[in-house]
């Protein structure tokens, strides 16, 4: 399915998130309710169109073409970037008619022109930054800065070293060393532009509220668990998957049981008990993950992994890189 896009967008009543998937979907949801309110699935690929394109100059093709338009799965023309813009504009434009709500804020990562298109149709919409993406941009720029200035940055080996702190550490007296607190002038001048760009008043104002796209990513993973990206899925399959994922994300397995009832599928006591037990467990795990103790544990594990990786790099030196084997 080479003609399909490779983007998945999740729109909330207060935001938009990005991830990858064979099609493009928009899912508006309330920031405070955590519910998915609406979605649109867009595709650039139609299997029937691909099949009949080989018979384009035949009478059968003309007859098929007259009845195919309403059922064609390809509902978008243009680039993947235009998909995002068109879908966002459509979702914001129909919010009142479909859901009787007005989207006042847009949470985005600044990687696309979606917000510009939305504002042209809805001037009252304000942009909010995803604080995780702002933090990521800051870290990326600083790491790129280190790479660019790597040649002038001396490496400090452990053990026998010109570094006094390393010398004292080798004999177990590193606590007696007094570090210089000020940065070198050349280092300071290199990092100042990064902090000035990513800590200006306009950007920080858009960060007020600490909005993130974490709920978007969570919903994305729910869809992928039903329609994995490792398998080729047509638009009909993805439509079904998105609907089921929405039911599960909003109401748990109780929503799936509603579908079973509509299909006249008998819901026995085992099914009923399993669904309610699974929903209860899901809520308990969610509440546990939001506790301060759980957050601190995750932060500690992440810090430990980063520290171990840096230690290994210091011990092993650079083993992979452009031209390193020359």
C-alpha atoms as a PDB file:
ATOM      1  CA  UNK A   1       0.000   0.000   0.000  1.00  0.00           C
ATOM      2  CA  UNK A   2       2.617   2.491  -1.125  1.00  0.00           C
ATOM      3  CA  UNK A   3       0.075   5.193  -1.935  1.00  0.00           C
ATOM      4  CA  UNK A   4      -1.239   5.407   1.612  1.00  0.00           C
ATOM      5  CA  UNK A   5       0.095   7.996   3.996  1.00  0.00           C
ATOM      6  CA  UNK A   6       2.174   7.176   7.029  1.00  0.00           C
ATOM      7  CA  UNK A   7       0.734   9.598   9.548  1.00  0.00           C
ATOM      8  CA  UNK A   8      -1.767   9.426  12.351  1.00  0.00           C
ATOM      9  CA  UNK A   9      -3.047  12.590  13.982  1.00  0.00           C
ATOM     10  CA  UNK A  10      -5.065  12.834  17.129  1.00  0.00           C
ATOM     11  CA  UNK A  11      -6.962  16.065  17.705  1.00  0.00           C
ATOM     12  CA  UNK A  12      -8.468  16.943  21.045  1.00  0.00           C
ATOM     13  CA  UNK A  13     -10.772  19.754  21.929  1.00  0.00           C
ATOM     14  CA  UNK A  14      -7.614  21.359  23.239  1.00  0.00           C
ATOM     15  CA  UNK A  15      -4.974  19.803  21.058  1.00  0.00           C
ATOM     16  CA  UNK A  16      -3.409  17.800  18.288  1.00  0.00           C
ATOM     17  CA  UNK A  17      -0.909  14.964  18.484  1.00  0.00           C
ATOM     18  CA  UNK A  18       1.155  13.096  15.935  1.00  0.00           C
ATOM     19  CA  UNK A  19       2.198   9.468  15.444  1.00  0.00           C
ATOM     20  CA  UNK A  20       2.544   7.007  12.555  1.00  0.00           C
ATOM     21  CA  UNK A  21      -0.081   4.795  10.903  1.00  0.00           C
ATOM     22  CA  UNK A  22      -1.071   3.774   7.340  1.00  0.00           C
ATOM     23  CA  UNK A  23      -3.908   6.291   7.322  1.00  0.00           C
ATOM     24  CA  UNK A  24      -4.684   9.688   8.730  1.00  0.00           C
ATOM     25  CA  UNK A  25      -7.250  10.028  11.483  1.00  0.00           C
ATOM     26  CA  UNK A  26      -8.337  12.965  13.576  1.00  0.00           C
ATOM     27  CA  UNK A  27      -9.836  12.281  16.989  1.00  0.00           C
ATOM     28  CA  UNK A  28     -11.130  15.297  18.904  1.00  0.00           C
ATOM     29  CA  UNK A  29     -11.523  14.706  22.598  1.00  0.00           C
ATOM     30  CA  UNK A  30     -12.086  16.853  25.635  1.00  0.00           C
ATOM     31  CA  UNK A  31      -8.938  17.671  27.587  1.00  0.00           C
ATOM     32  CA  UNK A  32     -10.824  17.614  30.859  1.00  0.00           C
ATOM     33  CA  UNK A  33     -13.175  14.709  30.097  1.00  0.00           C
ATOM     34  CA  UNK A  34     -10.558  12.538  28.389  1.00  0.00           C
ATOM     35  CA  UNK A  35     -13.227  11.346  25.935  1.00  0.00           C
ATOM     36  CA  UNK A  36     -12.879  10.994  22.176  1.00  0.00           C
ATOM     37  CA  UNK A  37     -15.668  13.080  20.655  1.00  0.00           C
ATOM     38  CA  UNK A  38     -15.202  12.660  16.929  1.00  0.00           C
ATOM     39  CA  UNK A  39     -12.872  11.238  14.289  1.00  0.00           C
ATOM     40  CA  UNK A  40     -12.201  11.327  10.557  1.00  0.00           C
ATOM     41  CA  UNK A  41     -10.297   8.677   8.635  1.00  0.00           C
ATOM     42  CA  UNK A  42      -8.616   9.808   5.428  1.00  0.00           C
ATOM     43  CA  UNK A  43      -6.898   7.654   2.846  1.00  0.00           C
ATOM     44  CA  UNK A  44      -5.104   8.160  -0.452  1.00  0.00           C
ATOM     45  CA  UNK A  45      -5.523   4.518  -1.439  1.00  0.00           C
ATOM     46  CA  UNK A  46      -8.430   2.531  -2.838  1.00  0.00           C
ATOM     47  CA  UNK A  47      -7.919  -1.117  -3.752  1.00  0.00           C
ATOM     48  CA  UNK A  48     -10.857  -1.105  -6.189  1.00  0.00           C
ATOM     49  CA  UNK A  49      -9.473   1.919  -8.021  1.00  0.00           C
ATOM     50  CA  UNK A  50      -6.107   0.226  -8.314  1.00  0.00           C
ATOM     51  CA  UNK A  51      -7.714  -2.914  -9.771  1.00  0.00           C
ATOM     52  CA  UNK A  52      -9.941  -1.093 -12.290  1.00  0.00           C
ATOM     53  CA  UNK A  53      -7.186   1.287 -13.402  1.00  0.00           C
ATOM     54  CA  UNK A  54      -5.845  -1.561 -15.545  1.00  0.00           C
ATOM     55  CA  UNK A  55      -9.165  -1.632 -17.442  1.00  0.00           C
ATOM     56  CA  UNK A  56      -9.579   2.115 -17.778  1.00  0.00           C
ATOM     57  CA  UNK A  57     -10.420   2.140 -21.499  1.00  0.00           C
ATOM     58  CA  UNK A  58     -13.051  -0.582 -21.389  1.00  0.00           C
ATOM     59  CA  UNK A  59     -16.854  -0.400 -21.245  1.00  0.00           C
ATOM     60  CA  UNK A  60     -16.823  -2.315 -17.974  1.00  0.00           C
ATOM     61  CA  UNK A  61     -14.641   0.399 -16.430  1.00  0.00           C
ATOM     62  CA  UNK A  62     -17.053   3.181 -17.381  1.00  0.00           C
ATOM     63  CA  UNK A  63     -19.972   1.239 -15.899  1.00  0.00           C
ATOM     64  CA  UNK A  64     -18.022   0.589 -12.688  1.00  0.00           C
ATOM     65  CA  UNK A  65     -16.888   4.212 -12.430  1.00  0.00           C
ATOM     66  CA  UNK A  66     -20.476   5.510 -12.403  1.00  0.00           C
ATOM     67  CA  UNK A  67     -21.334   3.555  -9.250  1.00  0.00           C
ATOM     68  CA  UNK A  68     -18.005   3.625  -7.429  1.00  0.00           C
ATOM     69  CA  UNK A  69     -17.689   7.251  -6.342  1.00  0.00           C
ATOM     70  CA  UNK A  70     -19.838   6.910  -3.223  1.00  0.00           C
ATOM     71  CA  UNK A  71     -17.937   3.822  -2.039  1.00  0.00           C
ATOM     72  CA  UNK A  72     -14.399   4.883  -2.982  1.00  0.00           C
ATOM     73  CA  UNK A  73     -12.003   4.535  -0.052  1.00  0.00           C
ATOM     74  CA  UNK A  74      -9.626   7.222  -1.343  1.00  0.00           C
ATOM     75  CA  UNK A  75     -11.002  10.431   0.133  1.00  0.00           C
ATOM     76  CA  UNK A  76      -7.905  12.630  -0.092  1.00  0.00           C
ATOM     77  CA  UNK A  77      -5.680  14.012  -2.829  1.00  0.00           C
ATOM     78  CA  UNK A  78      -2.359  15.679  -2.199  1.00  0.00           C
ATOM     79  CA  UNK A  79       0.458  15.317   0.289  1.00  0.00           C
ATOM     80  CA  UNK A  80       0.343  13.912   3.800  1.00  0.00           C
ATOM     81  CA  UNK A  81       0.943  17.414   5.147  1.00  0.00           C
ATOM     82  CA  UNK A  82      -2.157  18.675   3.356  1.00  0.00           C
ATOM     83  CA  UNK A  83      -4.071  15.779   4.917  1.00  0.00           C
ATOM     84  CA  UNK A  84      -3.340  17.180   8.345  1.00  0.00           C
ATOM     85  CA  UNK A  85      -4.373  20.690   7.387  1.00  0.00           C
ATOM     86  CA  UNK A  86      -7.606  19.623   5.644  1.00  0.00           C
ATOM     87  CA  UNK A  87      -8.627  17.255   8.425  1.00  0.00           C
ATOM     88  CA  UNK A  88      -7.985  19.734  11.217  1.00  0.00           C
ATOM     89  CA  UNK A  89      -9.948  22.449   9.458  1.00  0.00           C
ATOM     90  CA  UNK A  90     -12.834  20.042   8.884  1.00  0.00           C
ATOM     91  CA  UNK A  91     -12.914  18.927  12.507  1.00  0.00           C
ATOM     92  CA  UNK A  92     -12.865  22.426  13.939  1.00  0.00           C
ATOM     93  CA  UNK A  93     -15.472  23.635  11.438  1.00  0.00           C
ATOM     94  CA  UNK A  94     -18.042  20.989  12.374  1.00  0.00           C
ATOM     95  CA  UNK A  95     -17.539  20.959  16.143  1.00  0.00           C
ATOM     96  CA  UNK A  96     -20.693  22.968  16.877  1.00  0.00           C
ATOM     97  CA  UNK A  97     -22.978  21.133  14.440  1.00  0.00           C
ATOM     98  CA  UNK A  98     -21.825  17.674  15.472  1.00  0.00           C
ATOM     99  CA  UNK A  99     -20.943  17.999  19.161  1.00  0.00           C
ATOM    100  CA  UNK A 100     -22.380  21.359  20.201  1.00  0.00           C
ATOM    101  CA  UNK A 101     -18.982  22.484  21.489  1.00  0.00           C
ATOM    102  CA  UNK A 102     -16.452  25.100  20.401  1.00  0.00           C
ATOM    103  CA  UNK A 103     -12.750  24.263  20.349  1.00  0.00           C
ATOM    104  CA  UNK A 104     -11.005  27.221  21.972  1.00  0.00           C
ATOM    105  CA  UNK A 105      -7.423  25.954  22.218  1.00  0.00           C
ATOM    106  CA  UNK A 106      -5.132  23.920  20.010  1.00  0.00           C
ATOM    107  CA  UNK A 107      -2.273  21.955  21.548  1.00  0.00           C
ATOM    108  CA  UNK A 108       0.413  21.269  18.960  1.00  0.00           C
ATOM    109  CA  UNK A 109       4.114  20.657  18.517  1.00  0.00           C
ATOM    110  CA  UNK A 110       4.790  23.358  15.927  1.00  0.00           C
ATOM    111  CA  UNK A 111       5.799  20.886  13.202  1.00  0.00           C
ATOM    112  CA  UNK A 112       3.031  21.700  10.728  1.00  0.00           C
ATOM    113  CA  UNK A 113       0.948  24.591   9.359  1.00  0.00           C
ATOM    114  CA  UNK A 114      -2.240  23.142  10.796  1.00  0.00           C
ATOM    115  CA  UNK A 115      -2.781  25.932  13.294  1.00  0.00           C
ATOM    116  CA  UNK A 116      -2.477  28.606  10.600  1.00  0.00           C
ATOM    117  CA  UNK A 117      -5.216  26.927   8.596  1.00  0.00           C
ATOM    118  CA  UNK A 118      -7.462  26.574  11.645  1.00  0.00           C
ATOM    119  CA  UNK A 119      -7.091  30.234  12.599  1.00  0.00           C
ATOM    120  CA  UNK A 120      -8.046  31.359   9.099  1.00  0.00           C
ATOM    121  CA  UNK A 121     -11.442  29.720   9.616  1.00  0.00           C
ATOM    122  CA  UNK A 122     -11.641  30.117  13.420  1.00  0.00           C
ATOM    123  CA  UNK A 123      -9.809  33.316  14.518  1.00  0.00           C
ATOM    124  CA  UNK A 124     -10.779  32.767  18.168  1.00  0.00           C
ATOM    125  CA  UNK A 125      -8.725  29.571  18.523  1.00  0.00           C
ATOM    126  CA  UNK A 126      -5.540  29.998  20.582  1.00  0.00           C
ATOM    127  CA  UNK A 127      -2.480  27.804  20.353  1.00  0.00           C
ATOM    128  CA  UNK A 128      -1.058  25.928  23.327  1.00  0.00           C
ATOM    129  CA  UNK A 129       2.318  24.193  23.217  1.00  0.00           C
ATOM    130  CA  UNK A 130       2.840  20.563  24.171  1.00  0.00           C
ATOM    131  CA  UNK A 131       5.327  20.982  27.021  1.00  0.00           C
ATOM    132  CA  UNK A 132       6.899  17.595  26.278  1.00  0.00           C
ATOM    133  CA  UNK A 133       7.754  18.694  22.744  1.00  0.00           C
ATOM    134  CA  UNK A 134       9.181  22.004  23.988  1.00  0.00           C
ATOM    135  CA  UNK A 135      11.407  20.103  26.407  1.00  0.00           C
ATOM    136  CA  UNK A 136      12.402  17.718  23.628  1.00  0.00           C
ATOM    137  CA  UNK A 137      13.327  20.618  21.308  1.00  0.00           C
ATOM    138  CA  UNK A 138      15.474  22.161  24.023  1.00  0.00           C
ATOM    139  CA  UNK A 139      17.338  18.890  24.603  1.00  0.00           C
ATOM    140  CA  UNK A 140      17.770  18.227  20.890  1.00  0.00           C
ATOM    141  CA  UNK A 141      19.260  21.647  20.227  1.00  0.00           C
ATOM    142  CA  UNK A 142      21.686  21.310  23.131  1.00  0.00           C
ATOM    143  CA  UNK A 143      22.777  17.831  22.032  1.00  0.00           C
ATOM    144  CA  UNK A 144      23.269  19.037  18.459  1.00  0.00           C
ATOM    145  CA  UNK A 145      25.312  21.904  19.840  1.00  0.00           C
ATOM    146  CA  UNK A 146      27.558  19.440  21.673  1.00  0.00           C
ATOM    147  CA  UNK A 147      28.061  17.457  18.454  1.00  0.00           C
ATOM    148  CA  UNK A 148      29.008  20.578  16.500  1.00  0.00           C
ATOM    149  CA  UNK A 149      31.535  21.692  19.120  1.00  0.00           C
ATOM    150  CA  UNK A 150      32.796  18.196  19.943  1.00  0.00           C
ATOM    151  CA  UNK A 151      36.186  18.834  18.396  1.00  0.00           C
ATOM    152  CA  UNK A 152      36.886  21.643  20.851  1.00  0.00           C
ATOM    153  CA  UNK A 153      35.441  19.856  23.881  1.00  0.00           C
ATOM    154  CA  UNK A 154      38.174  17.841  25.731  1.00  0.00           C
ATOM    155  CA  UNK A 155      37.272  14.357  26.917  1.00  0.00           C
ATOM    156  CA  UNK A 156      37.852  13.735  30.604  1.00  0.00           C
ATOM    157  CA  UNK A 157      39.094  10.137  31.167  1.00  0.00           C
ATOM    158  CA  UNK A 158      38.699   8.371  34.475  1.00  0.00           C
ATOM    159  CA  UNK A 159      41.626   7.406  36.699  1.00  0.00           C
ATOM    160  CA  UNK A 160      44.936   8.993  35.703  1.00  0.00           C
ATOM    161  CA  UNK A 161      43.881  12.294  34.221  1.00  0.00           C
ATOM    162  CA  UNK A 162      44.702  15.970  33.953  1.00  0.00           C
ATOM    163  CA  UNK A 163      41.346  16.580  35.662  1.00  0.00           C
ATOM    164  CA  UNK A 164      41.881  17.229  39.368  1.00  0.00           C
ATOM    165  CA  UNK A 165      38.447  15.869  40.271  1.00  0.00           C
ATOM    166  CA  UNK A 166      39.215  12.597  38.465  1.00  0.00           C
ATOM    167  CA  UNK A 167      42.568  12.425  40.244  1.00  0.00           C
ATOM    168  CA  UNK A 168      40.898  12.828  43.642  1.00  0.00           C
ATOM    169  CA  UNK A 169      38.136  10.388  42.686  1.00  0.00           C
ATOM    170  CA  UNK A 170      40.743   7.723  41.930  1.00  0.00           C
ATOM    171  CA  UNK A 171      41.893   7.853  45.556  1.00  0.00           C
ATOM    172  CA  UNK A 172      38.418   8.256  47.040  1.00  0.00           C
ATOM    173  CA  UNK A 173      38.702  11.953  47.957  1.00  0.00           C
ATOM    174  CA  UNK A 174      36.561  13.569  45.254  1.00  0.00           C
ATOM    175  CA  UNK A 175      34.405  15.282  47.900  1.00  0.00           C
ATOM    176  CA  UNK A 176      37.329  17.526  48.800  1.00  0.00           C
ATOM    177  CA  UNK A 177      37.481  19.054  45.338  1.00  0.00           C
ATOM    178  CA  UNK A 178      36.003  22.509  44.788  1.00  0.00           C
ATOM    179  CA  UNK A 179      34.447  22.889  41.332  1.00  0.00           C
ATOM    180  CA  UNK A 180      34.391  26.138  39.450  1.00  0.00           C
ATOM    181  CA  UNK A 181      30.825  27.410  39.311  1.00  0.00           C
ATOM    182  CA  UNK A 182      31.020  29.687  36.296  1.00  0.00           C
ATOM    183  CA  UNK A 183      30.815  28.472  32.710  1.00  0.00           C
ATOM    184  CA  UNK A 184      33.580  29.182  30.253  1.00  0.00           C
ATOM    185  CA  UNK A 185      32.786  32.157  28.095  1.00  0.00           C
ATOM    186  CA  UNK A 186      32.809  30.172  24.837  1.00  0.00           C
ATOM    187  CA  UNK A 187      30.384  27.591  26.290  1.00  0.00           C
ATOM    188  CA  UNK A 188      28.102  30.322  27.602  1.00  0.00           C
ATOM    189  CA  UNK A 189      27.990  32.123  24.262  1.00  0.00           C
ATOM    190  CA  UNK A 190      27.181  28.850  22.499  1.00  0.00           C
ATOM    191  CA  UNK A 191      24.170  27.894  24.631  1.00  0.00           C
ATOM    192  CA  UNK A 192      22.659  31.356  25.201  1.00  0.00           C
ATOM    193  CA  UNK A 193      20.854  31.451  21.794  1.00  0.00           C
ATOM    194  CA  UNK A 194      19.200  28.098  22.535  1.00  0.00           C
ATOM    195  CA  UNK A 195      17.796  29.267  25.848  1.00  0.00           C
ATOM    196  CA  UNK A 196      16.754  32.647  24.444  1.00  0.00           C
ATOM    197  CA  UNK A 197      14.800  31.034  21.602  1.00  0.00           C
ATOM    198  CA  UNK A 198      13.090  28.395  23.730  1.00  0.00           C
ATOM    199  CA  UNK A 199      12.387  30.505  26.808  1.00  0.00           C
ATOM    200  CA  UNK A 200      10.924  33.660  25.302  1.00  0.00           C
ATOM    201  CA  UNK A 201       7.746  35.092  26.803  1.00  0.00           C
ATOM    202  CA  UNK A 202       5.510  34.182  23.867  1.00  0.00           C
ATOM    203  CA  UNK A 203       6.494  30.504  23.962  1.00  0.00           C
ATOM    204  CA  UNK A 204       6.255  30.274  27.746  1.00  0.00           C
ATOM    205  CA  UNK A 205       2.794  31.851  27.641  1.00  0.00           C
ATOM    206  CA  UNK A 206       1.650  29.117  25.257  1.00  0.00           C
ATOM    207  CA  UNK A 207       3.029  26.552  27.719  1.00  0.00           C
ATOM    208  CA  UNK A 208       0.765  27.745  30.536  1.00  0.00           C
ATOM    209  CA  UNK A 209      -1.525  24.928  31.594  1.00  0.00           C
ATOM    210  CA  UNK A 210       1.119  22.225  31.060  1.00  0.00           C
ATOM    211  CA  UNK A 211      -0.808  20.624  28.220  1.00  0.00           C
ATOM    212  CA  UNK A 212       0.649  17.461  26.698  1.00  0.00           C
ATOM    213  CA  UNK A 213      -0.204  14.971  23.966  1.00  0.00           C
ATOM    214  CA  UNK A 214       0.165  11.944  26.226  1.00  0.00           C
ATOM    215  CA  UNK A 215      -3.532  11.059  26.017  1.00  0.00           C
ATOM    216  CA  UNK A 216      -3.251  11.208  22.233  1.00  0.00           C
ATOM    217  CA  UNK A 217      -0.391   8.730  22.235  1.00  0.00           C
ATOM    218  CA  UNK A 218      -2.325   6.480  24.596  1.00  0.00           C
ATOM    219  CA  UNK A 219      -5.280   6.414  22.229  1.00  0.00           C
ATOM    220  CA  UNK A 220      -2.979   5.774  19.274  1.00  0.00           C
ATOM    221  CA  UNK A 221      -1.599   2.669  20.984  1.00  0.00           C
ATOM    222  CA  UNK A 222      -5.172   1.454  21.548  1.00  0.00           C
ATOM    223  CA  UNK A 223      -5.817   1.609  17.805  1.00  0.00           C
ATOM    224  CA  UNK A 224      -2.536  -0.099  16.944  1.00  0.00           C
ATOM    225  CA  UNK A 225      -3.324  -2.958  19.320  1.00  0.00           C
ATOM    226  CA  UNK A 226      -6.416  -3.646  17.193  1.00  0.00           C
ATOM    227  CA  UNK A 227      -4.938  -2.869  13.743  1.00  0.00           C
ATOM    228  CA  UNK A 228      -1.147  -3.335  14.029  1.00  0.00           C
ATOM    229  CA  UNK A 229       1.026  -1.342  11.637  1.00  0.00           C
ATOM    230  CA  UNK A 230       2.910  -4.530  10.803  1.00  0.00           C
ATOM    231  CA  UNK A 231      -0.133  -5.717   8.813  1.00  0.00           C
ATOM    232  CA  UNK A 232      -1.662  -4.054   5.780  1.00  0.00           C
ATOM    233  CA  UNK A 233      -5.163  -2.824   6.654  1.00  0.00           C
ATOM    234  CA  UNK A 234      -7.649  -1.255   4.260  1.00  0.00           C
ATOM    235  CA  UNK A 235      -9.738   1.766   5.160  1.00  0.00           C
ATOM    236  CA  UNK A 236     -12.796  -0.318   6.077  1.00  0.00           C
ATOM    237  CA  UNK A 237     -10.779  -2.347   8.553  1.00  0.00           C
ATOM    238  CA  UNK A 238      -9.277   0.794  10.007  1.00  0.00           C
ATOM    239  CA  UNK A 239     -12.706   2.440  10.258  1.00  0.00           C
ATOM    240  CA  UNK A 240     -13.909  -0.505  12.329  1.00  0.00           C
ATOM    241  CA  UNK A 241     -10.726  -0.483  14.413  1.00  0.00           C
ATOM    242  CA  UNK A 242     -10.999   3.233  15.173  1.00  0.00           C
ATOM    243  CA  UNK A 243     -14.644   2.900  16.192  1.00  0.00           C
ATOM    244  CA  UNK A 244     -13.886  -0.020  18.500  1.00  0.00           C
ATOM    245  CA  UNK A 245     -10.842   1.774  19.924  1.00  0.00           C
ATOM    246  CA  UNK A 246     -12.997   4.831  20.621  1.00  0.00           C
ATOM    247  CA  UNK A 247     -15.571   2.733  22.466  1.00  0.00           C
ATOM    248  CA  UNK A 248     -12.884   1.009  24.504  1.00  0.00           C
ATOM    249  CA  UNK A 249     -10.978   4.231  25.220  1.00  0.00           C
ATOM    250  CA  UNK A 250     -14.107   6.089  26.346  1.00  0.00           C
ATOM    251  CA  UNK A 251     -16.019   3.374  28.212  1.00  0.00           C
ATOM    252  CA  UNK A 252     -13.793   0.311  28.439  1.00  0.00           C
ATOM    253  CA  UNK A 253     -15.205  -3.117  27.635  1.00  0.00           C
ATOM    254  CA  UNK A 254     -18.686  -1.895  28.503  1.00  0.00           C
ATOM    255  CA  UNK A 255     -18.745  -0.095  25.164  1.00  0.00           C
ATOM    256  CA  UNK A 256     -17.754  -3.303  23.360  1.00  0.00           C
ATOM    257  CA  UNK A 257     -20.660  -5.121  25.026  1.00  0.00           C
ATOM    258  CA  UNK A 258     -23.008  -2.486  23.600  1.00  0.00           C
ATOM    259  CA  UNK A 259     -21.787  -3.396  20.115  1.00  0.00           C
ATOM    260  CA  UNK A 260     -22.306  -7.074  20.863  1.00  0.00           C
ATOM    261  CA  UNK A 261     -25.903  -6.333  21.856  1.00  0.00           C
ATOM    262  CA  UNK A 262     -26.496  -4.432  18.605  1.00  0.00           C
ATOM    263  CA  UNK A 263     -25.223  -7.478  16.714  1.00  0.00           C
ATOM    264  CA  UNK A 264     -27.560  -9.767  18.704  1.00  0.00           C
ATOM    265  CA  UNK A 265     -24.592 -11.566  20.272  1.00  0.00           C
ATOM    266  CA  UNK A 266     -25.548 -13.219  23.540  1.00  0.00           C
ATOM    267  CA  UNK A 267     -23.605 -11.831  26.490  1.00  0.00           C
ATOM    268  CA  UNK A 268     -23.209 -14.566  29.062  1.00  0.00           C
ATOM    269  CA  UNK A 269     -22.177 -14.201  32.717  1.00  0.00           C
ATOM    270  CA  UNK A 270     -18.533 -15.037  31.989  1.00  0.00           C
ATOM    271  CA  UNK A 271     -18.283 -12.313  29.351  1.00  0.00           C
ATOM    272  CA  UNK A 272     -20.062  -9.815  31.594  1.00  0.00           C
ATOM    273  CA  UNK A 273     -17.863 -10.557  34.610  1.00  0.00           C
ATOM    274  CA  UNK A 274     -14.665 -10.451  32.546  1.00  0.00           C
ATOM    275  CA  UNK A 275     -15.515  -7.058  31.026  1.00  0.00           C
ATOM    276  CA  UNK A 276     -16.335  -5.444  34.355  1.00  0.00           C
ATOM    277  CA  UNK A 277     -13.291  -6.955  36.069  1.00  0.00           C
ATOM    278  CA  UNK A 278     -10.998  -5.820  33.230  1.00  0.00           C
ATOM    279  CA  UNK A 279     -12.429  -2.285  33.363  1.00  0.00           C
ATOM    280  CA  UNK A 280     -11.972  -2.143  37.124  1.00  0.00           C
ATOM    281  CA  UNK A 281      -8.362  -3.341  36.849  1.00  0.00           C
ATOM    282  CA  UNK A 282      -7.667  -0.798  34.113  1.00  0.00           C
ATOM    283  CA  UNK A 283      -8.913   2.067  36.299  1.00  0.00           C
ATOM    284  CA  UNK A 284      -6.898   0.896  39.306  1.00  0.00           C
ATOM    285  CA  UNK A 285      -3.685   0.654  37.271  1.00  0.00           C
ATOM    286  CA  UNK A 286      -4.321   4.080  35.781  1.00  0.00           C
ATOM    287  CA  UNK A 287      -4.798   5.675  39.195  1.00  0.00           C
ATOM    288  CA  UNK A 288      -1.692   3.916  40.499  1.00  0.00           C
ATOM    289  CA  UNK A 289       0.419   5.219  37.608  1.00  0.00           C
ATOM    290  CA  UNK A 290      -0.688   8.777  38.427  1.00  0.00           C
ATOM    291  CA  UNK A 291       0.537   8.623  42.021  1.00  0.00           C
ATOM    292  CA  UNK A 292       3.608  10.627  42.988  1.00  0.00           C
ATOM    293  CA  UNK A 293       5.390   7.459  44.108  1.00  0.00           C
ATOM    294  CA  UNK A 294       4.896   5.847  40.680  1.00  0.00           C
ATOM    295  CA  UNK A 295       6.055   8.993  38.897  1.00  0.00           C
ATOM    296  CA  UNK A 296       9.178   9.185  41.049  1.00  0.00           C
ATOM    297  CA  UNK A 297       9.924   5.521  40.362  1.00  0.00           C
ATOM    298  CA  UNK A 298       9.687   6.104  36.604  1.00  0.00           C
ATOM    299  CA  UNK A 299      11.942   9.156  36.853  1.00  0.00           C
ATOM    300  CA  UNK A 300      14.509   7.215  38.875  1.00  0.00           C
ATOM    301  CA  UNK A 301      14.552   4.325  36.398  1.00  0.00           C
ATOM    302  CA  UNK A 302      14.952   6.705  33.461  1.00  0.00           C
ATOM    303  CA  UNK A 303      17.784   8.559  35.191  1.00  0.00           C
ATOM    304  CA  UNK A 304      19.507   5.269  36.031  1.00  0.00           C
ATOM    305  CA  UNK A 305      19.286   4.075  32.423  1.00  0.00           C
ATOM    306  CA  UNK A 306      20.730   7.321  31.120  1.00  0.00           C
ATOM    307  CA  UNK A 307      23.522   7.224  33.689  1.00  0.00           C
ATOM    308  CA  UNK A 308      24.411   3.637  32.805  1.00  0.00           C
ATOM    309  CA  UNK A 309      24.441   4.434  29.084  1.00  0.00           C
ATOM    310  CA  UNK A 310      26.705   7.430  29.610  1.00  0.00           C
ATOM    311  CA  UNK A 311      29.031   5.365  31.801  1.00  0.00           C
ATOM    312  CA  UNK A 312      29.292   2.714  29.104  1.00  0.00           C
ATOM    313  CA  UNK A 313      30.067   5.360  26.495  1.00  0.00           C
ATOM    314  CA  UNK A 314      32.816   6.813  28.663  1.00  0.00           C
ATOM    315  CA  UNK A 315      34.332   3.394  29.263  1.00  0.00           C
ATOM    316  CA  UNK A 316      34.088   2.115  25.685  1.00  0.00           C
ATOM    317  CA  UNK A 317      34.657   5.314  23.740  1.00  0.00           C
ATOM    318  CA  UNK A 318      33.013   5.946  20.376  1.00  0.00           C
ATOM    319  CA  UNK A 319      32.439   2.637  18.586  1.00  0.00           C
ATOM    320  CA  UNK A 320      30.048   3.777  15.866  1.00  0.00           C
ATOM    321  CA  UNK A 321      30.013   6.899  13.727  1.00  0.00           C
ATOM    322  CA  UNK A 322      30.626   8.342  10.276  1.00  0.00           C
ATOM    323  CA  UNK A 323      34.146   7.546   9.072  1.00  0.00           C
ATOM    324  CA  UNK A 324      35.182   5.976  12.381  1.00  0.00           C
ATOM    325  CA  UNK A 325      36.670   2.901  10.661  1.00  0.00           C
ATOM    326  CA  UNK A 326      38.899   4.951   8.311  1.00  0.00           C
END
